[in-house]
Amino acid sequence: MAELTIPKTITYAEAVELCGCSRSTIERAVDAGFIPAYKPGAEVQLVKAKVIEWYHSKRVTPRFPRTGRPRRTIKLNGQAR
């Protein structure tokens, strides 16, 4: 008979602290099925590895490389500086 392995779980409060977002954001991710949740007793338990995976999937990358704007030249006594 194969042994049952139980993944490391955390509560909503721990997930909020880990991700730095609101509880409602975590709840929306659970409702959408991105983070599996279990309720073996009074508190809902979230799979920690899936919370971290979901958090890293939300990384935002810039559309365009930041090149900056050209600097303005100032003329003092006819000389550009």
Protein backbone atom coordinates (compact mmCIF):
# COMPACT_ATOMS: atom_id res chain seq x y z
CA MET A 1 0.00 0.00 0.00
CA ALA A 2 1.39 3.41 -1.00
CA GLU A 3 1.93 6.02 1.66
CA LEU A 4 -0.12 9.18 1.48
CA THR A 5 2.06 12.29 1.35
CA ILE A 6 0.51 15.47 2.68
CA PRO A 7 1.89 18.69 1.17
CA LYS A 8 2.99 21.60 3.37
CA THR A 9 -0.03 23.83 3.89
CA ILE A 10 -0.52 27.38 5.15
CA THR A 11 -3.52 29.46 6.22
CA TYR A 12 -4.96 32.49 4.43
CA ALA A 13 -3.21 34.80 6.91
CA GLU A 14 0.17 33.16 6.21
CA ALA A 15 -0.44 33.35 2.45
CA VAL A 16 -1.28 37.06 2.73
CA GLU A 17 1.95 37.67 4.66
CA LEU A 18 3.98 35.55 2.23
CA CYS A 19 2.66 37.24 -0.93
CA GLY A 20 2.11 40.74 0.41
CA CYS A 21 -1.37 41.04 -1.06
CA SER A 22 -4.88 41.16 0.36
CA ARG A 23 -6.90 38.19 1.55
CA SER A 24 -9.49 38.83 -1.15
CA THR A 25 -6.78 38.48 -3.82
CA ILE A 26 -5.83 35.07 -2.42
CA GLU A 27 -9.52 34.09 -2.19
CA ARG A 28 -10.05 35.03 -5.86
CA ALA A 29 -7.08 32.84 -6.85
CA VAL A 30 -8.55 29.95 -4.85
CA ASP A 31 -12.02 30.48 -6.38
CA ALA A 32 -10.49 30.54 -9.88
CA GLY A 33 -8.69 27.25 -9.18
CA PHE A 34 -5.13 28.59 -9.31
CA ILE A 35 -4.41 27.65 -5.68
CA PRO A 36 -5.77 24.37 -4.28
CA ALA A 37 -7.45 24.71 -0.88
CA TYR A 38 -8.61 22.17 1.69
CA LYS A 39 -10.75 22.53 4.79
CA PRO A 40 -9.98 19.59 7.07
CA GLY A 41 -11.24 21.42 10.16
CA ALA A 42 -12.15 24.97 11.07
CA GLU A 43 -9.55 26.73 8.88
CA VAL A 44 -8.94 26.57 5.15
CA GLN A 45 -5.48 25.24 4.28
CA LEU A 46 -3.63 26.28 1.11
CA VAL A 47 -0.81 24.31 -0.50
CA LYS A 48 2.29 26.46 0.10
CA ALA A 49 4.12 25.36 -3.07
CA LYS A 50 1.10 26.29 -5.21
CA VAL A 51 0.78 29.69 -3.50
CA ILE A 52 4.44 30.42 -4.32
CA GLU A 53 3.98 29.14 -7.89
CA TRP A 54 0.91 31.37 -8.35
CA TYR A 55 2.78 34.37 -6.90
CA HIS A 56 5.69 33.95 -9.33
CA SER A 57 3.29 33.56 -12.27
CA LYS A 58 2.03 37.11 -11.63
CA ARG A 59 5.37 38.75 -12.43
CA VAL A 60 5.00 41.83 -14.61
CA THR A 61 7.62 42.60 -17.22
CA PRO A 62 7.96 45.92 -19.03
CA ARG A 63 6.66 46.07 -22.58
CA PHE A 64 9.45 48.28 -23.81
CA PRO A 65 13.00 48.64 -22.53
CA ARG A 66 13.45 51.82 -20.58
CA THR A 67 15.73 54.08 -22.56
CA GLY A 68 14.94 57.34 -20.85
CA ARG A 69 14.26 60.58 -22.56
CA PRO A 70 16.93 62.72 -24.16
CA ARG A 71 18.43 65.33 -21.93
CA ARG A 72 17.76 68.95 -22.61
CA THR A 73 20.77 71.15 -23.32
CA ILE A 74 21.01 74.48 -21.60
CA LYS A 75 22.84 77.34 -23.23
CA LEU A 76 24.69 79.75 -21.00
CA ASN A 77 26.39 82.68 -22.71
CA GLY A 78 26.06 80.94 -26.08
CA GLN A 79 27.69 77.67 -24.91
CA ALA A 80 25.77 74.39 -24.57
CA ARG A 81 26.13 72.65 -21.22
